[in-house]
Amino acid sequence: MINIDGYAIDEEKRKVLLGKDEIELTTKEYELLLYFVKNKGIAISREQVLSKVWDENYYGSDRVVDDTLRRLRKKMPELNIKTIYGYGYRLD
């Protein structure tokens, strides 16, 4: 179990809990969350997120990162992911 900002992440079961309530995440939302958690405190560029979460062969827009993160923030409002203008993001 990983505990962060009041959320409990169970990697074996691929579940995210807030108290006893499970938060439903898509596969990419979950992978994005884990990537931020495992790199807590480190500034991460959009390009790094795309290559690690979406795969290096992804040819769509880098805005997919912003859209997925927006949904993640909506589902997990207590999560402290900061936007670094012109670069990327950081989980504090």
PDB file of N, CA and C in Angstrom:
ATOM      1  N   MET A   1       0.840  -1.197   0.000  1.00  0.00           N
ATOM      2  CA  MET A   1       0.000   0.000   0.000  1.00  0.00           C
ATOM      3  C   MET A   1       0.877   1.249   0.000  1.00  0.00           C
ATOM      4  N   ILE A   2       0.525   2.168  -0.862  1.00  0.00           N
ATOM      5  CA  ILE A   2       1.190   3.474  -0.901  1.00  0.00           C
ATOM      6  C   ILE A   2       0.165   4.491  -0.399  1.00  0.00           C
ATOM      7  N   ASN A   3       0.543   5.283   0.578  1.00  0.00           N
ATOM      8  CA  ASN A   3      -0.342   6.325   1.091  1.00  0.00           C
ATOM      9  C   ASN A   3       0.194   7.689   0.695  1.00  0.00           C
ATOM     10  N   ILE A   4      -0.678   8.496   0.079  1.00  0.00           N
ATOM     11  CA  ILE A   4      -0.272   9.834  -0.342  1.00  0.00           C
ATOM     12  C   ILE A   4      -1.482  10.759  -0.348  1.00  0.00           C
ATOM     13  N   ASP A   5      -1.337  11.893   0.292  1.00  0.00           N
ATOM     14  CA  ASP A   5      -2.380  12.937   0.326  1.00  0.00           C
ATOM     15  C   ASP A   5      -3.751  12.399   0.735  1.00  0.00           C
ATOM     16  N   GLY A   6      -3.778  11.419   1.635  1.00  0.00           N
ATOM     17  CA  GLY A   6      -5.039  10.867   2.117  1.00  0.00           C
ATOM     18  C   GLY A   6      -5.567   9.691   1.300  1.00  0.00           C
ATOM     19  N   TYR A   7      -4.901   9.377   0.203  1.00  0.00           N
ATOM     20  CA  TYR A   7      -5.314   8.269  -0.661  1.00  0.00           C
ATOM     21  C   TYR A   7      -4.441   7.047  -0.377  1.00  0.00           C
ATOM     22  N   ALA A   8      -5.024   5.869  -0.541  1.00  0.00           N
ATOM     23  CA  ALA A   8      -4.283   4.611  -0.409  1.00  0.00           C
ATOM     24  C   ALA A   8      -4.282   3.934  -1.773  1.00  0.00           C
ATOM     25  N   ILE A   9      -3.093   3.597  -2.254  1.00  0.00           N
ATOM     26  CA  ILE A   9      -2.949   2.956  -3.563  1.00  0.00           C
ATOM     27  C   ILE A   9      -2.476   1.521  -3.328  1.00  0.00           C
ATOM     28  N   ASP A  10      -3.271   0.579  -3.789  1.00  0.00           N
ATOM     29  CA  ASP A  10      -2.934  -0.834  -3.681  1.00  0.00           C
ATOM     30  C   ASP A  10      -2.453  -1.296  -5.053  1.00  0.00           C
ATOM     31  N   GLU A  11      -1.137  -1.421  -5.194  1.00  0.00           N
ATOM     32  CA  GLU A  11      -0.564  -1.775  -6.504  1.00  0.00           C
ATOM     33  C   GLU A  11      -0.948  -3.178  -6.951  1.00  0.00           C
ATOM     34  N   GLU A  12      -1.034  -4.128  -6.010  1.00  0.00           N
ATOM     35  CA  GLU A  12      -1.371  -5.503  -6.378  1.00  0.00           C
ATOM     36  C   GLU A  12      -2.772  -5.601  -6.959  1.00  0.00           C
ATOM     37  N   LYS A  13      -3.709  -4.874  -6.361  1.00  0.00           N
ATOM     38  CA  LYS A  13      -5.098  -4.927  -6.810  1.00  0.00           C
ATOM     39  C   LYS A  13      -5.447  -3.820  -7.797  1.00  0.00           C
ATOM     40  N   ARG A  14      -4.489  -2.911  -8.043  1.00  0.00           N
ATOM     41  CA  ARG A  14      -4.715  -1.756  -8.921  1.00  0.00           C
ATOM     42  C   ARG A  14      -5.947  -0.963  -8.485  1.00  0.00           C
ATOM     43  N   LYS A  15      -5.998  -0.679  -7.182  1.00  0.00           N
ATOM     44  CA  LYS A  15      -7.109   0.074  -6.609  1.00  0.00           C
ATOM     45  C   LYS A  15      -6.590   1.330  -5.933  1.00  0.00           C
ATOM     46  N   VAL A  16      -7.428   2.368  -5.959  1.00  0.00           N
ATOM     47  CA  VAL A  16      -7.145   3.598  -5.241  1.00  0.00           C
ATOM     48  C   VAL A  16      -8.319   3.842  -4.304  1.00  0.00           C
ATOM     49  N   LEU A  17      -8.016   4.065  -3.044  1.00  0.00           N
ATOM     50  CA  LEU A  17      -9.056   4.249  -2.042  1.00  0.00           C
ATOM     51  C   LEU A  17      -8.919   5.592  -1.352  1.00  0.00           C
ATOM     52  N   LEU A  18     -10.059   6.171  -1.026  1.00  0.00           N
ATOM     53  CA  LEU A  18     -10.125   7.347  -0.162  1.00  0.00           C
ATOM     54  C   LEU A  18     -11.023   6.908   0.983  1.00  0.00           C
ATOM     55  N   GLY A  19     -10.390   6.618   2.126  1.00  0.00           N
ATOM     56  CA  GLY A  19     -11.131   5.994   3.211  1.00  0.00           C
ATOM     57  C   GLY A  19     -11.514   4.596   2.760  1.00  0.00           C
ATOM     58  N   LYS A  20     -12.814   4.311   2.777  1.00  0.00           N
ATOM     59  CA  LYS A  20     -13.287   2.998   2.324  1.00  0.00           C
ATOM     60  C   LYS A  20     -13.842   3.047   0.906  1.00  0.00           C
ATOM     61  N   ASP A  21     -13.872   4.244   0.322  1.00  0.00           N
ATOM     62  CA  ASP A  21     -14.428   4.408  -1.018  1.00  0.00           C
ATOM     63  C   ASP A  21     -13.363   4.204  -2.084  1.00  0.00           C
ATOM     64  N   GLU A  22     -13.686   3.353  -3.067  1.00  0.00           N
ATOM     65  CA  GLU A  22     -12.775   3.127  -4.177  1.00  0.00           C
ATOM     66  C   GLU A  22     -12.986   4.208  -5.229  1.00  0.00           C
ATOM     67  N   ILE A  23     -11.894   4.724  -5.765  1.00  0.00           N
ATOM     68  CA  ILE A  23     -11.950   5.726  -6.829  1.00  0.00           C
ATOM     69  C   ILE A  23     -11.705   4.991  -8.145  1.00  0.00           C
ATOM     70  N   GLU A  24     -12.656   5.106  -9.047  1.00  0.00           N
ATOM     71  CA  GLU A  24     -12.557   4.432 -10.341  1.00  0.00           C
ATOM     72  C   GLU A  24     -11.642   5.236 -11.269  1.00  0.00           C
ATOM     73  N   LEU A  25     -10.544   4.627 -11.694  1.00  0.00           N
ATOM     74  CA  LEU A  25      -9.611   5.275 -12.615  1.00  0.00           C
ATOM     75  C   LEU A  25      -9.483   4.441 -13.878  1.00  0.00           C
ATOM     76  N   THR A  26      -9.274   5.126 -15.002  1.00  0.00           N
ATOM     77  CA  THR A  26      -8.961   4.417 -16.240  1.00  0.00           C
ATOM     78  C   THR A  26      -7.529   3.882 -16.126  1.00  0.00           C
ATOM     79  N   THR A  27      -7.152   3.015 -17.042  1.00  0.00           N
ATOM     80  CA  THR A  27      -5.796   2.451 -17.024  1.00  0.00           C
ATOM     81  C   THR A  27      -4.752   3.559 -17.106  1.00  0.00           C
ATOM     82  N   LYS A  28      -4.927   4.515 -18.013  1.00  0.00           N
ATOM     83  CA  LYS A  28      -3.945   5.590 -18.172  1.00  0.00           C
ATOM     84  C   LYS A  28      -3.933   6.515 -16.963  1.00  0.00           C
ATOM     85  N   GLU A  29      -5.091   6.800 -16.378  1.00  0.00           N
ATOM     86  CA  GLU A  29      -5.126   7.631 -15.162  1.00  0.00           C
ATOM     87  C   GLU A  29      -4.347   6.945 -14.043  1.00  0.00           C
ATOM     88  N   TYR A  30      -4.545   5.640 -13.903  1.00  0.00           N
ATOM     89  CA  TYR A  30      -3.845   4.881 -12.866  1.00  0.00           C
ATOM     90  C   TYR A  30      -2.338   4.863 -13.124  1.00  0.00           C
ATOM     91  N   GLU A  31      -1.940   4.609 -14.360  1.00  0.00           N
ATOM     92  CA  GLU A  31      -0.513   4.585 -14.701  1.00  0.00           C
ATOM     93  C   GLU A  31       0.128   5.950 -14.497  1.00  0.00           C
ATOM     94  N   LEU A  32      -0.598   7.010 -14.845  1.00  0.00           N
ATOM     95  CA  LEU A  32      -0.100   8.368 -14.636  1.00  0.00           C
ATOM     96  C   LEU A  32       0.075   8.641 -13.140  1.00  0.00           C
ATOM     97  N   LEU A  33      -0.907   8.248 -12.347  1.00  0.00           N
ATOM     98  CA  LEU A  33      -0.825   8.412 -10.900  1.00  0.00           C
ATOM     99  C   LEU A  33       0.402   7.697 -10.341  1.00  0.00           C
ATOM    100  N   LEU A  34       0.600   6.449 -10.723  1.00  0.00           N
ATOM    101  CA  LEU A  34       1.754   5.693 -10.231  1.00  0.00           C
ATOM    102  C   LEU A  34       3.071   6.333 -10.656  1.00  0.00           C
ATOM    103  N   TYR A  35       3.127   6.831 -11.878  1.00  0.00           N
ATOM    104  CA  TYR A  35       4.349   7.476 -12.356  1.00  0.00           C
ATOM    105  C   TYR A  35       4.685   8.699 -11.500  1.00  0.00           C
ATOM    106  N   PHE A  36       3.673   9.501 -11.182  1.00  0.00           N
ATOM    107  CA  PHE A  36       3.902  10.668 -10.319  1.00  0.00           C
ATOM    108  C   PHE A  36       4.299  10.249  -8.910  1.00  0.00           C
ATOM    109  N   VAL A  37       3.630   9.241  -8.370  1.00  0.00           N
ATOM    110  CA  VAL A  37       3.921   8.784  -7.009  1.00  0.00           C
ATOM    111  C   VAL A  37       5.359   8.268  -6.903  1.00  0.00           C
ATOM    112  N   LYS A  38       5.789   7.521  -7.907  1.00  0.00           N
ATOM    113  CA  LYS A  38       7.141   6.949  -7.880  1.00  0.00           C
ATOM    114  C   LYS A  38       8.222   7.987  -8.156  1.00  0.00           C
ATOM    115  N   ASN A  39       7.820   9.166  -8.635  1.00  0.00           N
ATOM    116  CA  ASN A  39       8.761  10.255  -8.899  1.00  0.00           C
ATOM    117  C   ASN A  39       8.403  11.489  -8.073  1.00  0.00           C
ATOM    118  N   LYS A  40       7.881  11.271  -6.872  1.00  0.00           N
ATOM    119  CA  LYS A  40       7.432  12.362  -6.007  1.00  0.00           C
ATOM    120  C   LYS A  40       8.559  13.353  -5.756  1.00  0.00           C
ATOM    121  N   GLY A  41       8.226  14.641  -5.900  1.00  0.00           N
ATOM    122  CA  GLY A  41       9.197  15.698  -5.642  1.00  0.00           C
ATOM    123  C   GLY A  41      10.089  16.034  -6.825  1.00  0.00           C
ATOM    124  N   ILE A  42       9.957  15.283  -7.912  1.00  0.00           N
ATOM    125  CA  ILE A  42      10.807  15.494  -9.092  1.00  0.00           C
ATOM    126  C   ILE A  42       9.970  16.176 -10.178  1.00  0.00           C
ATOM    127  N   ALA A  43      10.543  17.211 -10.803  1.00  0.00           N
ATOM    128  CA  ALA A  43       9.870  17.878 -11.925  1.00  0.00           C
ATOM    129  C   ALA A  43       9.914  16.942 -13.130  1.00  0.00           C
ATOM    130  N   ILE A  44       8.756  16.719 -13.730  1.00  0.00           N
ATOM    131  CA  ILE A  44       8.633  15.790 -14.855  1.00  0.00           C
ATOM    132  C   ILE A  44       8.070  16.541 -16.056  1.00  0.00           C
ATOM    133  N   SER A  45       8.750  16.434 -17.193  1.00  0.00           N
ATOM    134  CA  SER A  45       8.265  17.109 -18.408  1.00  0.00           C
ATOM    135  C   SER A  45       7.150  16.295 -19.054  1.00  0.00           C
ATOM    136  N   ARG A  46       6.364  16.962 -19.905  1.00  0.00           N
ATOM    137  CA  ARG A  46       5.318  16.261 -20.658  1.00  0.00           C
ATOM    138  C   ARG A  46       5.922  15.135 -21.496  1.00  0.00           C
ATOM    139  N   GLU A  47       7.083  15.404 -22.087  1.00  0.00           N
ATOM    140  CA  GLU A  47       7.741  14.413 -22.939  1.00  0.00           C
ATOM    141  C   GLU A  47       8.094  13.165 -22.134  1.00  0.00           C
ATOM    142  N   GLN A  48       8.574  13.354 -20.900  1.00  0.00           N
ATOM    143  CA  GLN A  48       8.893  12.206 -20.049  1.00  0.00           C
ATOM    144  C   GLN A  48       7.639  11.400 -19.744  1.00  0.00           C
ATOM    145  N   VAL A  49       6.549  12.096 -19.434  1.00  0.00           N
ATOM    146  CA  VAL A  49       5.285  11.415 -19.140  1.00  0.00           C
ATOM    147  C   VAL A  49       4.822  10.634 -20.367  1.00  0.00           C
ATOM    148  N   LEU A  50       4.868  11.265 -21.529  1.00  0.00           N
ATOM    149  CA  LEU A  50       4.442  10.583 -22.763  1.00  0.00           C
ATOM    150  C   LEU A  50       5.259   9.320 -23.011  1.00  0.00           C
ATOM    151  N   SER A  51       6.571   9.400 -22.862  1.00  0.00           N
ATOM    152  CA  SER A  51       7.406   8.233 -23.169  1.00  0.00           C
ATOM    153  C   SER A  51       7.253   7.129 -22.127  1.00  0.00           C
ATOM    154  N   LYS A  52       6.994   7.474 -20.865  1.00  0.00           N
ATOM    155  CA  LYS A  52       6.889   6.452 -19.813  1.00  0.00           C
ATOM    156  C   LYS A  52       5.479   5.887 -19.665  1.00  0.00           C
ATOM    157  N   VAL A  53       4.471   6.721 -19.821  1.00  0.00           N
ATOM    158  CA  VAL A  53       3.090   6.276 -19.598  1.00  0.00           C
ATOM    159  C   VAL A  53       2.416   5.877 -20.904  1.00  0.00           C
ATOM    160  N   TRP A  54       2.668   6.616 -21.972  1.00  0.00           N
ATOM    161  CA  TRP A  54       2.001   6.329 -23.251  1.00  0.00           C
ATOM    162  C   TRP A  54       2.857   5.520 -24.205  1.00  0.00           C
ATOM    163  N   ASP A  55       4.136   5.401 -23.954  1.00  0.00           N
ATOM    164  CA  ASP A  55       5.059   4.652 -24.803  1.00  0.00           C
ATOM    165  C   ASP A  55       5.744   5.609 -25.782  1.00  0.00           C
ATOM    166  N   GLU A  56       6.955   5.288 -26.107  1.00  0.00           N
ATOM    167  CA  GLU A  56       7.762   6.147 -26.980  1.00  0.00           C
ATOM    168  C   GLU A  56       7.218   6.209 -28.400  1.00  0.00           C
ATOM    169  N   ASN A  57       6.403   5.261 -28.787  1.00  0.00           N
ATOM    170  CA  ASN A  57       5.860   5.224 -30.144  1.00  0.00           C
ATOM    171  C   ASN A  57       4.520   5.936 -30.266  1.00  0.00           C
ATOM    172  N   TYR A  58       4.113   6.665 -29.233  1.00  0.00           N
ATOM    173  CA  TYR A  58       2.847   7.398 -29.270  1.00  0.00           C
ATOM    174  C   TYR A  58       2.996   8.602 -30.200  1.00  0.00           C
ATOM    175  N   TYR A  59       2.055   8.756 -31.156  1.00  0.00           N
ATOM    176  CA  TYR A  59       2.173   9.837 -32.137  1.00  0.00           C
ATOM    177  C   TYR A  59       1.075  10.884 -32.048  1.00  0.00           C
ATOM    178  N   GLY A  60       0.253  10.829 -31.010  1.00  0.00           N
ATOM    179  CA  GLY A  60      -0.803  11.824 -30.870  1.00  0.00           C
ATOM    180  C   GLY A  60      -0.269  13.106 -30.253  1.00  0.00           C
ATOM    181  N   SER A  61      -1.169  13.954 -29.842  1.00  0.00           N
ATOM    182  CA  SER A  61      -0.816  15.232 -29.232  1.00  0.00           C
ATOM    183  C   SER A  61      -0.326  15.034 -27.806  1.00  0.00           C
ATOM    184  N   ASP A  62       0.619  15.898 -27.375  1.00  0.00           N
ATOM    185  CA  ASP A  62       1.065  15.831 -25.981  1.00  0.00           C
ATOM    186  C   ASP A  62      -0.009  16.365 -25.037  1.00  0.00           C
ATOM    187  N   ARG A  63      -1.084  16.892 -25.595  1.00  0.00           N
ATOM    188  CA  ARG A  63      -2.203  17.376 -24.781  1.00  0.00           C
ATOM    189  C   ARG A  63      -2.942  16.234 -24.098  1.00  0.00           C
ATOM    190  N   VAL A  64      -2.723  15.006 -24.552  1.00  0.00           N
ATOM    191  CA  VAL A  64      -3.334  13.857 -23.900  1.00  0.00           C
ATOM    192  C   VAL A  64      -2.887  13.796 -22.431  1.00  0.00           C
ATOM    193  N   VAL A  65      -1.673  14.245 -22.148  1.00  0.00           N
ATOM    194  CA  VAL A  65      -1.169  14.286 -20.771  1.00  0.00           C
ATOM    195  C   VAL A  65      -2.015  15.260 -19.957  1.00  0.00           C
ATOM    196  N   ASP A  66      -2.222  16.456 -20.491  1.00  0.00           N
ATOM    197  CA  ASP A  66      -3.013  17.472 -19.787  1.00  0.00           C
ATOM    198  C   ASP A  66      -4.437  16.996 -19.541  1.00  0.00           C
ATOM    199  N   ASP A  67      -5.036  16.386 -20.554  1.00  0.00           N
ATOM    200  CA  ASP A  67      -6.421  15.916 -20.434  1.00  0.00           C
ATOM    201  C   ASP A  67      -6.546  14.812 -19.384  1.00  0.00           C
ATOM    202  N   THR A  68      -5.613  13.869 -19.405  1.00  0.00           N
ATOM    203  CA  THR A  68      -5.647  12.768 -18.441  1.00  0.00           C
ATOM    204  C   THR A  68      -5.394  13.290 -17.033  1.00  0.00           C
ATOM    205  N   LEU A  69      -4.460  14.209 -16.903  1.00  0.00           N
ATOM    206  CA  LEU A  69      -4.167  14.789 -15.593  1.00  0.00           C
ATOM    207  C   LEU A  69      -5.362  15.599 -15.083  1.00  0.00           C
ATOM    208  N   ARG A  70      -6.048  16.300 -15.961  1.00  0.00           N
ATOM    209  CA  ARG A  70      -7.233  17.056 -15.562  1.00  0.00           C
ATOM    210  C   ARG A  70      -8.291  16.119 -14.975  1.00  0.00           C
ATOM    211  N   ARG A  71      -8.505  14.981 -15.634  1.00  0.00           N
ATOM    212  CA  ARG A  71      -9.480  13.997 -15.128  1.00  0.00           C
ATOM    213  C   ARG A  71      -9.017  13.415 -13.792  1.00  0.00           C
ATOM    214  N   LEU A  72      -7.725  13.146 -13.677  1.00  0.00           N
ATOM    215  CA  LEU A  72      -7.166  12.606 -12.437  1.00  0.00           C
ATOM    216  C   LEU A  72      -7.338  13.597 -11.286  1.00  0.00           C
ATOM    217  N   ARG A  73      -7.070  14.864 -11.554  1.00  0.00           N
ATOM    218  CA  ARG A  73      -7.246  15.894 -10.526  1.00  0.00           C
ATOM    219  C   ARG A  73      -8.708  16.029 -10.104  1.00  0.00           C
ATOM    220  N   LYS A  74      -9.620  15.855 -11.053  1.00  0.00           N
ATOM    221  CA  LYS A  74     -11.047  15.950 -10.738  1.00  0.00           C
ATOM    222  C   LYS A  74     -11.475  14.787  -9.834  1.00  0.00           C
ATOM    223  N   LYS A  75     -10.972  13.589 -10.126  1.00  0.00           N
ATOM    224  CA  LYS A  75     -11.323  12.412  -9.335  1.00  0.00           C
ATOM    225  C   LYS A  75     -10.588  12.377  -7.995  1.00  0.00           C
ATOM    226  N   MET A  76      -9.397  13.005  -7.933  1.00  0.00           N
ATOM    227  CA  MET A  76      -8.572  12.987  -6.720  1.00  0.00           C
ATOM    228  C   MET A  76      -8.140  14.411  -6.362  1.00  0.00           C
ATOM    229  N   PRO A  77      -9.089  15.255  -5.914  1.00  0.00           N
ATOM    230  CA  PRO A  77      -8.786  16.672  -5.690  1.00  0.00           C
ATOM    231  C   PRO A  77      -7.742  16.959  -4.608  1.00  0.00           C
ATOM    232  N   GLU A  78      -7.517  16.019  -3.700  1.00  0.00           N
ATOM    233  CA  GLU A  78      -6.524  16.245  -2.640  1.00  0.00           C
ATOM    234  C   GLU A  78      -5.100  15.975  -3.119  1.00  0.00           C
ATOM    235  N   LEU A  79      -4.960  15.375  -4.282  1.00  0.00           N
ATOM    236  CA  LEU A  79      -3.636  15.056  -4.815  1.00  0.00           C
ATOM    237  C   LEU A  79      -2.902  16.343  -5.160  1.00  0.00           C
ATOM    238  N   ASN A  80      -1.686  16.491  -4.667  1.00  0.00           N
ATOM    239  CA  ASN A  80      -0.946  17.745  -4.777  1.00  0.00           C
ATOM    240  C   ASN A  80       0.018  17.726  -5.966  1.00  0.00           C
ATOM    241  N   ILE A  81      -0.545  17.728  -7.184  1.00  0.00           N
ATOM    242  CA  ILE A  81       0.276  17.780  -8.404  1.00  0.00           C
ATOM    243  C   ILE A  81       0.306  19.218  -8.886  1.00  0.00           C
ATOM    244  N   LYS A  82       1.491  19.783  -8.931  1.00  0.00           N
ATOM    245  CA  LYS A  82       1.677  21.174  -9.353  1.00  0.00           C
ATOM    246  C   LYS A  82       2.037  21.222 -10.835  1.00  0.00           C
ATOM    247  N   THR A  83       1.527  22.236 -11.509  1.00  0.00           N
ATOM    248  CA  THR A  83       1.913  22.490 -12.892  1.00  0.00           C
ATOM    249  C   THR A  83       3.126  23.400 -12.887  1.00  0.00           C
ATOM    250  N   ILE A  84       4.140  23.017 -13.637  1.00  0.00           N
ATOM    251  CA  ILE A  84       5.324  23.859 -13.808  1.00  0.00           C
ATOM    252  C   ILE A  84       5.198  24.470 -15.198  1.00  0.00           C
ATOM    253  N   TYR A  85       4.822  25.735 -15.236  1.00  0.00           N
ATOM    254  CA  TYR A  85       4.506  26.417 -16.494  1.00  0.00           C
ATOM    255  C   TYR A  85       5.648  26.278 -17.499  1.00  0.00           C
ATOM    256  N   GLY A  86       5.304  25.836 -18.704  1.00  0.00           N
ATOM    257  CA  GLY A  86       6.287  25.729 -19.785  1.00  0.00           C
ATOM    258  C   GLY A  86       7.158  24.489 -19.699  1.00  0.00           C
ATOM    259  N   TYR A  87       6.940  23.629 -18.671  1.00  0.00           N
ATOM    260  CA  TYR A  87       7.795  22.443 -18.539  1.00  0.00           C
ATOM    261  C   TYR A  87       6.982  21.174 -18.352  1.00  0.00           C
ATOM    262  N   GLY A  88       6.245  21.097 -17.255  1.00  0.00           N
ATOM    263  CA  GLY A  88       5.516  19.861 -16.955  1.00  0.00           C
ATOM    264  C   GLY A  88       4.853  19.922 -15.599  1.00  0.00           C
ATOM    265  N   TYR A  89       5.152  18.907 -14.771  1.00  0.00           N
ATOM    266  CA  TYR A  89       4.441  18.771 -13.503  1.00  0.00           C
ATOM    267  C   TYR A  89       5.350  18.223 -12.414  1.00  0.00           C
ATOM    268  N   ARG A  90       4.868  18.344 -11.165  1.00  0.00           N
ATOM    269  CA  ARG A  90       5.589  17.783 -10.020  1.00  0.00           C
ATOM    270  C   ARG A  90       4.568  17.428  -8.942  1.00  0.00           C
ATOM    271  N   LEU A  91       4.687  16.218  -8.393  1.00  0.00           N
ATOM    272  CA  LEU A  91       3.878  15.816  -7.254  1.00  0.00           C
ATOM    273  C   LEU A  91       4.641  16.182  -6.000  1.00  0.00           C
ATOM    274  N   ASP A  92       4.057  17.054  -5.198  1.00  0.00           N
ATOM    275  CA  ASP A  92       4.707  17.486  -3.944  1.00  0.00           C
ATOM    276  C   ASP A  92       4.203  16.665  -2.773  1.00  0.00           C
TER     277      ASP A  92
END
